[in-house]
N, C-alpha and C. Protein backbone atom coordinates (compact mmCIF):
# COMPACT_ATOMS: atom_id res chain seq x y z
N UNK A 1 -21.17 -5.99 14.28
CA UNK A 1 -20.00 -6.40 12.81
C UNK A 1 -19.25 -4.93 12.65
N UNK A 2 -17.77 -5.62 12.63
CA UNK A 2 -17.23 -4.20 12.34
C UNK A 2 -17.37 -4.09 10.53
N UNK A 3 -17.18 -2.63 10.08
CA UNK A 3 -17.19 -2.34 8.79
C UNK A 3 -16.58 -3.18 7.88
N UNK A 4 -15.38 -3.63 8.15
CA UNK A 4 -14.52 -4.05 7.40
C UNK A 4 -15.00 -5.79 6.77
N UNK A 5 -15.50 -6.37 7.99
CA UNK A 5 -16.14 -7.77 7.88
C UNK A 5 -17.41 -7.62 6.79
N UNK A 6 -18.14 -6.51 6.80
CA UNK A 6 -19.24 -6.53 6.30
C UNK A 6 -18.89 -6.14 4.63
N UNK A 7 -18.11 -5.49 4.48
CA UNK A 7 -17.36 -5.34 3.26
C UNK A 7 -16.89 -6.55 2.55
N UNK A 8 -16.25 -7.25 3.19
CA UNK A 8 -15.84 -8.66 2.81
C UNK A 8 -16.99 -9.59 2.42
N UNK A 9 -18.06 -9.59 3.45
CA UNK A 9 -19.18 -10.30 2.99
C UNK A 9 -19.61 -9.80 1.91
N UNK A 10 -20.08 -8.53 1.70
CA UNK A 10 -20.45 -7.81 0.42
C UNK A 10 -19.53 -8.40 -0.67
N UNK A 11 -18.40 -8.43 -0.53
CA UNK A 11 -17.41 -8.79 -1.78
C UNK A 11 -17.47 -10.53 -2.04
N UNK A 12 -17.70 -11.42 -0.99
CA UNK A 12 -17.94 -12.51 -1.25
C UNK A 12 -19.19 -12.97 -2.29
N UNK A 13 -20.13 -12.14 -1.75
CA UNK A 13 -21.80 -12.33 -2.33
C UNK A 13 -21.56 -11.98 -3.75
N UNK A 14 -20.60 -10.96 -3.87
CA UNK A 14 -20.43 -10.52 -5.49
C UNK A 14 -19.83 -11.82 -6.20
N UNK A 15 -18.97 -12.01 -5.76
CA UNK A 15 -17.99 -12.89 -5.80
C UNK A 15 -18.61 -14.56 -6.34
N UNK A 16 -19.79 -14.84 -5.29
CA UNK A 16 -20.33 -15.84 -5.69
C UNK A 16 -21.51 -15.87 -6.83
N UNK A 17 -21.82 -14.54 -6.94
CA UNK A 17 -23.18 -14.19 -8.26
C UNK A 17 -22.07 -14.41 -9.56
N UNK A 18 -20.84 -13.69 -9.35
CA UNK A 18 -20.17 -13.52 -10.81
C UNK A 18 -19.66 -15.49 -10.99
N UNK A 19 -19.42 -15.93 -9.89
CA UNK A 19 -18.83 -17.28 -10.33
C UNK A 19 -20.14 -18.08 -11.23
N UNK A 20 -21.27 -17.87 -10.64
CA UNK A 20 -22.46 -18.82 -10.92
C UNK A 20 -22.92 -18.10 -12.50
N UNK A 21 -22.14 -17.02 -13.00
CA UNK A 21 -22.43 -16.31 -14.35
C UNK A 21 -22.98 -15.09 -14.66
N UNK A 22 -23.47 -14.83 -13.26
CA UNK A 22 -24.06 -13.11 -13.32
C UNK A 22 -23.22 -12.27 -13.70
N UNK A 23 -23.51 -11.43 -14.68
CA UNK A 23 -22.66 -9.82 -15.00
C UNK A 23 -23.34 -8.73 -15.27
N UNK A 24 -23.04 -7.92 -14.50
CA UNK A 24 -23.81 -6.22 -14.76
C UNK A 24 -22.73 -5.48 -14.91
N UNK A 25 -23.01 -4.55 -16.43
CA UNK A 25 -21.98 -3.66 -16.76
C UNK A 25 -22.05 -2.41 -15.53
N UNK A 26 -22.79 -2.23 -14.88
CA UNK A 26 -22.71 -1.16 -13.89
C UNK A 26 -21.89 -1.41 -13.24
N UNK A 27 -22.40 -2.64 -12.34
CA UNK A 27 -21.16 -3.50 -11.32
C UNK A 27 -19.73 -3.31 -11.57
N UNK A 28 -19.29 -4.04 -13.07
CA UNK A 28 -18.09 -3.99 -13.63
C UNK A 28 -17.61 -2.59 -13.55
N UNK A 29 -18.00 -1.49 -13.77
CA UNK A 29 -17.77 -0.47 -14.49
C UNK A 29 -17.65 0.16 -12.73
N UNK A 30 -18.43 0.02 -12.01
CA UNK A 30 -18.21 0.36 -10.65
C UNK A 30 -16.82 -0.11 -9.91
N UNK A 31 -16.72 -1.42 -9.94
CA UNK A 31 -15.75 -2.14 -9.44
C UNK A 31 -14.06 -1.19 -10.32
N UNK A 32 -14.29 -1.00 -11.43
CA UNK A 32 -13.33 -0.55 -12.33
C UNK A 32 -12.82 0.98 -11.43
N UNK A 33 -13.74 1.56 -11.41
CA UNK A 33 -13.77 2.99 -10.98
C UNK A 33 -13.22 2.58 -9.19
N UNK A 34 -13.59 2.28 -8.43
CA UNK A 34 -12.97 1.69 -7.40
C UNK A 34 -11.98 1.37 -7.29
N UNK A 35 -11.30 0.64 -8.11
CA UNK A 35 -9.90 0.01 -8.31
C UNK A 35 -8.89 0.82 -8.56
N UNK A 36 -9.70 1.86 -9.90
CA UNK A 36 -8.49 2.86 -10.32
C UNK A 36 -8.35 3.91 -9.08
N UNK A 37 -9.55 4.38 -8.34
CA UNK A 37 -9.32 5.18 -7.12
C UNK A 37 -8.29 4.64 -6.00
N UNK A 38 -8.12 3.64 -5.79
CA UNK A 38 -7.40 2.95 -5.05
C UNK A 38 -6.01 2.97 -5.64
N UNK A 39 -5.96 2.90 -6.65
CA UNK A 39 -4.67 2.87 -7.49
C UNK A 39 -4.13 4.34 -7.42
N UNK A 40 -4.70 5.19 -7.76
CA UNK A 40 -4.16 6.35 -7.45
C UNK A 40 -4.07 6.94 -6.15
N UNK A 41 -4.86 6.69 -5.10
CA UNK A 41 -4.41 7.10 -3.63
C UNK A 41 -3.07 6.25 -3.25
N UNK A 42 -2.83 5.17 -3.60
CA UNK A 42 -1.78 4.29 -3.16
C UNK A 42 -0.34 5.47 -4.33
N UNK A 43 -0.52 5.48 -5.21
CA UNK A 43 0.29 5.81 -6.18
C UNK A 43 0.64 7.47 -5.49
N UNK A 44 -0.42 8.17 -4.44
CA UNK A 44 -0.10 9.44 -4.33
C UNK A 44 0.46 9.19 -3.20
N UNK A 45 0.28 8.12 -2.11
CA UNK A 45 0.52 7.93 -0.62
C UNK A 45 2.04 7.65 -0.99
N UNK A 46 2.59 6.71 -2.36
CA UNK A 46 3.64 6.34 -2.46
C UNK A 46 4.60 7.54 -2.57
N UNK A 47 4.23 8.39 -3.65
CA UNK A 47 5.16 9.46 -4.01
C UNK A 47 5.48 10.74 -2.63
N UNK A 48 4.46 10.65 -1.60
CA UNK A 48 4.56 11.45 -0.42
C UNK A 48 5.82 10.97 0.21
N UNK A 49 5.63 9.07 0.62
CA UNK A 49 6.54 8.85 1.34
C UNK A 49 7.89 9.04 0.72
N UNK A 50 7.87 8.76 -0.61
CA UNK A 50 9.39 8.74 -1.15
C UNK A 50 9.91 9.74 -0.86
N UNK A 51 9.16 11.33 -0.86
CA UNK A 51 9.97 12.50 -0.52
C UNK A 51 10.34 12.45 0.88
N UNK A 52 9.38 12.18 1.45
CA UNK A 52 9.97 11.97 3.00
C UNK A 52 11.28 11.04 3.02
N UNK A 53 11.46 9.76 2.37
CA UNK A 53 12.44 9.29 2.58
C UNK A 53 13.66 9.88 1.90
N UNK A 54 13.60 10.61 0.80
CA UNK A 54 14.74 11.11 0.18
C UNK A 54 15.03 12.23 1.11
N UNK A 55 14.44 12.65 1.99
CA UNK A 55 15.06 13.88 2.80
C UNK A 55 15.81 13.12 3.70
N UNK A 56 15.67 12.27 4.24
CA UNK A 56 16.22 11.40 4.91
C UNK A 56 17.41 11.27 4.39
N UNK A 57 17.58 10.24 3.01
CA UNK A 57 18.53 9.99 2.72
C UNK A 57 19.86 11.06 2.27
N UNK A 58 19.18 12.36 1.93
CA UNK A 58 19.99 13.48 1.92
C UNK A 58 20.79 13.96 2.96
N UNK A 59 20.02 13.71 3.94
CA UNK A 59 20.40 14.59 5.03
C UNK A 59 21.28 13.42 5.85
N UNK A 60 21.36 12.00 5.71
CA UNK A 60 22.40 11.04 6.03
C UNK A 60 23.45 10.40 5.06
N UNK A 61 22.90 10.62 4.01
CA UNK A 61 23.94 10.09 3.15
C UNK A 61 23.97 8.59 2.60
N UNK A 62 23.01 8.03 2.71
CA UNK A 62 22.57 6.35 2.79
C UNK A 62 21.44 6.53 2.13
N UNK A 63 21.27 5.35 1.50
CA UNK A 63 19.87 4.90 0.77
C UNK A 63 18.99 4.46 1.82
N UNK A 64 17.38 4.46 1.79
CA UNK A 64 16.60 4.00 2.84
C UNK A 64 16.57 2.56 2.86
N UNK A 65 17.12 1.90 1.65
CA UNK A 65 17.20 0.15 1.88
C UNK A 65 18.09 -0.07 2.87
N UNK A 66 19.48 0.70 2.62
CA UNK A 66 20.75 0.15 3.46
C UNK A 66 20.29 0.65 4.71
N UNK A 67 19.84 1.69 4.88
CA UNK A 67 19.31 2.38 6.71
C UNK A 67 18.52 1.24 6.99
N UNK A 68 17.49 0.84 6.47
CA UNK A 68 16.41 -0.04 6.79
C UNK A 68 17.29 -1.46 7.37
N UNK A 69 18.22 -1.88 6.57
CA UNK A 69 18.68 -3.32 6.97
C UNK A 69 19.53 -2.86 8.21
N UNK A 70 20.48 -1.69 8.32
CA UNK A 70 21.11 -1.56 9.04
C UNK A 70 20.30 -1.47 10.54
N UNK A 71 19.25 -0.84 10.23
CA UNK A 71 18.46 -0.63 11.63
C UNK A 71 17.73 -1.65 11.99
N UNK A 72 17.61 -2.69 11.16
CA UNK A 72 16.98 -3.92 11.71
C UNK A 72 18.22 -4.56 12.30
N UNK A 73 19.20 -4.34 11.75
CA UNK A 73 20.16 -5.17 12.74
C UNK A 73 20.69 -4.68 13.60
N UNK A 74 20.24 -3.37 14.26
CA UNK A 74 20.37 -2.62 15.48
C UNK A 74 21.47 -2.01 15.18
N UNK A 75 22.42 -1.32 14.37
CA UNK A 75 23.23 -0.76 14.05
C UNK A 75 23.11 0.58 14.01
N UNK A 76 21.55 1.10 14.10
CA UNK A 76 21.34 2.66 13.87
C UNK A 76 21.16 3.44 14.99
N UNK A 77 21.09 3.04 16.36
CA UNK A 77 20.58 3.64 17.36
C UNK A 77 19.09 3.93 17.42
N UNK A 78 18.43 4.67 18.31
CA UNK A 78 17.15 4.91 18.50
C UNK A 78 16.96 5.99 18.61
N UNK A 79 17.50 7.08 17.78
CA UNK A 79 17.25 8.40 17.69
C UNK A 79 15.92 8.63 17.17
N UNK A 80 15.23 9.91 17.29
CA UNK A 80 14.09 10.29 17.09
C UNK A 80 14.08 9.96 15.57
N UNK A 81 14.76 10.42 14.78
CA UNK A 81 14.92 10.80 13.30
C UNK A 81 15.23 9.33 12.55
N UNK A 82 15.59 8.23 13.23
CA UNK A 82 15.62 7.10 13.08
C UNK A 82 14.84 6.42 13.05
N UNK A 83 14.23 6.33 14.34
CA UNK A 83 12.87 5.72 14.57
C UNK A 83 11.85 6.48 13.42
N UNK A 84 11.55 7.71 13.10
CA UNK A 84 10.80 8.34 12.17
C UNK A 84 11.12 7.46 10.82
N UNK A 85 12.32 7.43 10.36
CA UNK A 85 12.65 6.99 9.17
C UNK A 85 12.50 5.75 9.09
N UNK A 86 12.58 4.91 10.07
CA UNK A 86 11.95 3.34 10.13
C UNK A 86 10.66 3.22 9.81
N UNK A 87 9.55 4.21 10.49
CA UNK A 87 8.38 4.02 10.53
C UNK A 87 7.70 4.61 9.00
N UNK A 88 8.68 5.57 8.42
CA UNK A 88 8.17 5.62 7.22
C UNK A 88 8.63 4.86 5.98
N UNK A 89 9.77 4.61 6.23
CA UNK A 89 10.11 3.32 5.45
C UNK A 89 9.03 1.72 5.52
N UNK A 90 8.67 1.56 6.80
CA UNK A 90 7.89 0.81 6.92
C UNK A 90 6.16 1.03 5.95
N UNK A 91 5.73 2.20 6.21
CA UNK A 91 4.77 2.82 5.79
C UNK A 91 4.77 2.96 4.17
N UNK A 92 6.17 2.82 3.62
CA UNK A 92 6.28 3.13 2.23
C UNK A 92 6.38 1.43 1.91
N UNK A 93 6.84 0.58 2.50
CA UNK A 93 6.77 -0.72 2.35
C UNK A 93 5.12 -1.32 1.98
N UNK A 94 4.49 -0.82 2.86
CA UNK A 94 3.16 -1.44 3.00
C UNK A 94 2.53 -0.85 1.96
N UNK A 95 2.41 0.56 1.49
CA UNK A 95 1.93 0.93 0.42
C UNK A 95 2.12 0.67 -1.17
N UNK A 96 3.26 0.22 -1.20
CA UNK A 96 3.98 -0.30 -2.37
C UNK A 96 3.46 -1.73 -2.77
N UNK A 97 3.42 -2.52 -1.63
CA UNK A 97 2.66 -3.93 -1.45
C UNK A 97 1.14 -3.71 -1.97
N UNK A 98 0.95 -2.72 -1.49
CA UNK A 98 -0.68 -2.77 -1.68
C UNK A 98 -0.96 -2.26 -3.38
N UNK A 99 0.13 -1.54 -3.66
CA UNK A 99 -0.19 -0.98 -5.01
C UNK A 99 0.28 -2.26 -5.94
N UNK A 100 1.36 -3.07 -5.31
CA UNK A 100 1.44 -4.29 -6.72
C UNK A 100 0.23 -5.17 -6.86
N UNK A 101 -0.76 -4.76 -5.62
CA UNK A 101 -1.65 -5.77 -5.71
C UNK A 101 -2.80 -5.48 -6.71
N UNK A 102 -2.65 -3.98 -6.53
CA UNK A 102 -3.79 -3.29 -7.04
C UNK A 102 -3.29 -3.34 -8.57
N UNK A 103 -2.09 -2.97 -8.90
CA UNK A 103 -1.56 -3.26 -10.39
C UNK A 103 -1.22 -4.63 -11.19
N UNK A 104 -1.71 -5.84 -10.06
CA UNK A 104 -1.23 -6.77 -10.79
C UNK A 104 -2.61 -7.27 -12.22
N UNK A 105 -2.09 -7.88 -12.83
CA UNK A 105 -2.65 -8.05 -13.85
C UNK A 105 -4.11 -9.03 -13.51
N UNK A 106 -5.28 -9.24 -13.45
CA UNK A 106 -6.11 -10.49 -13.25
C UNK A 106 -6.11 -11.17 -14.24
N UNK A 107 -6.06 -12.73 -14.15
CA UNK A 107 -5.74 -13.71 -14.89
C UNK A 107 -7.20 -14.33 -14.70
C-alpha cells in the first residue's frame, strides 16, 4: 500500500477516536506542531515562488495574473521562458491553495 494511503488511514483512525471522545494532550500538541511546520514550509515555498514570479514580471513588464490569463488564452506563445513562468505560476497557485487550507480556522 502506498505511503499516503497509510497516512490517510492513520488520520481516519485518529478522527474516529476523537469523535468518540478520546483526547490526548500529547497527540494534540503533536498535531499542532505538524500543522505549524506545514504552514511554515508552505509560506517559505510561496515566498520563493513569488520571487521567481517577480523576476518574470520585471523582465516582461506584466503581472503574473495577467500573463497567466493571456497564456491560457494562447496569446503568449511557447518559448521556454513562457512555459517556465506558467509552471511557476501553477506551483504558486497550488502552494497558495495549500496554505489557505492550513491557515483556515477550524470550527
